[in-house]
Structures are given as C-alpha cells and as structure tokens.
Amino acid sequence: MPSPPKPVATLDCQTLDGRTIFVTVAKEGRLYHLSAPGERSHICHPSVSSLDGVRREILLVYRARVVPTI
C-alpha cells in the first residue's frame, strides 16, 4: 500500500487576477501533488521532475506565479 504524499513545500503564489494563494507541494514516489485551499487538487505529469517544473505546472493549472522570497 503506498504511503500518503509527503509535503515538500508551501509556495506563496499570486494569480493573474491579483489574488494570493498558497500552494502546497507534496511528493509521492516520483509524482508531485499540488493543492491550494479553495482550488482543485492536481497531480503533475510524470515528466515534472523538479521544483522548477512544479512552478511551470502551477502557472498552467492555477494561473499563478510563485512569488520569489528574499
């Protein structure tokens, strides 16, 4: 039986319409899972193999950009 996804990061993102959302990134095996409160959950395509790929996937799925931290 597979274990539940392990949280990797919570990213602060800004949608194209100006809202702020927090996207939780979890990893199960080789797959990344994305979830945001009030938004749909998403399992990334297997070709997404790094956090840079996760950022691109967030842009495609949630129409949001990750806000850089200092």
Protein backbone atom coordinates (compact mmCIF):
# COMPACT_ATOMS: atom_id res chain seq x y z
CA MET A 1 0.00 0.00 0.00
CA PRO A 2 1.52 3.37 -0.99
CA SER A 3 2.26 5.93 1.69
CA PRO A 4 0.48 9.29 1.64
CA PRO A 5 2.25 12.13 -0.18
CA LYS A 6 4.95 13.87 1.89
CA PRO A 7 4.71 17.68 1.95
CA VAL A 8 7.76 19.26 0.34
CA ALA A 9 6.93 22.98 0.34
CA THR A 10 4.20 25.58 0.61
CA LEU A 11 4.60 28.25 -2.04
CA ASP A 12 3.19 31.77 -1.91
CA CYS A 13 1.67 32.47 -5.34
CA GLN A 14 -0.14 35.35 -6.99
CA THR A 15 -2.83 34.62 -9.56
CA LEU A 16 -3.10 36.61 -12.76
CA ASP A 17 -6.17 38.40 -11.36
CA GLY A 18 -4.20 39.55 -8.27
CA ARG A 19 -5.33 37.06 -5.61
CA THR A 20 -2.79 35.45 -3.31
CA ILE A 21 -2.95 31.67 -2.88
CA PHE A 22 -0.75 29.21 -1.04
CA VAL A 23 0.01 26.06 -3.00
CA THR A 24 1.16 23.01 -1.06
CA VAL A 25 3.54 20.74 -2.95
CA ALA A 26 3.77 17.10 -1.85
CA LYS A 27 5.72 14.23 -3.33
CA GLU A 28 4.63 10.60 -3.58
CA GLY A 29 7.21 8.39 -5.21
CA ARG A 30 8.18 10.27 -8.37
CA LEU A 31 4.93 12.25 -8.66
CA TYR A 32 4.27 15.75 -7.36
CA HIS A 33 0.84 16.65 -5.96
CA LEU A 34 -0.39 20.25 -5.85
CA SER A 35 -3.20 21.57 -3.67
CA ALA A 36 -4.47 25.02 -2.75
CA PRO A 37 -7.31 25.95 -0.39
CA GLY A 38 -10.48 26.57 -2.36
CA GLU A 39 -8.90 25.31 -5.58
CA ARG A 40 -8.78 21.89 -7.20
CA SER A 41 -6.01 19.40 -6.41
CA HIS A 42 -3.67 18.35 -9.19
CA ILE A 43 -1.22 15.51 -9.80
CA CYS A 44 1.62 16.68 -12.03
CA HIS A 45 2.58 14.85 -15.20
CA PRO A 46 5.43 12.33 -14.64
CA SER A 47 7.74 14.50 -16.78
CA VAL A 48 7.74 17.10 -13.96
CA SER A 49 10.84 16.07 -12.06
CA SER A 50 11.95 19.19 -10.17
CA LEU A 51 10.61 22.23 -8.35
CA ASP A 52 11.24 24.32 -11.48
CA GLY A 53 8.84 22.02 -13.30
CA VAL A 54 6.39 22.39 -10.43
CA ARG A 55 6.48 26.19 -10.83
CA ARG A 56 5.60 25.84 -14.52
CA GLU A 57 2.78 23.45 -13.62
CA ILE A 58 1.39 25.93 -11.06
CA LEU A 59 1.30 28.56 -13.81
CA LEU A 60 -0.60 26.20 -16.12
CA VAL A 61 -3.05 24.78 -13.57
CA TYR A 62 -3.75 27.68 -11.20
CA ARG A 63 -2.79 30.59 -13.49
CA ALA A 64 -0.49 31.83 -10.73
CA ARG A 65 3.15 32.80 -10.44
CA VAL A 66 5.30 31.84 -7.48
CA VAL A 67 6.27 34.96 -5.53
CA PRO A 68 10.04 34.97 -5.01
CA THR A 69 11.27 35.11 -1.42
CA ILE A 70 14.26 37.10 -0.30
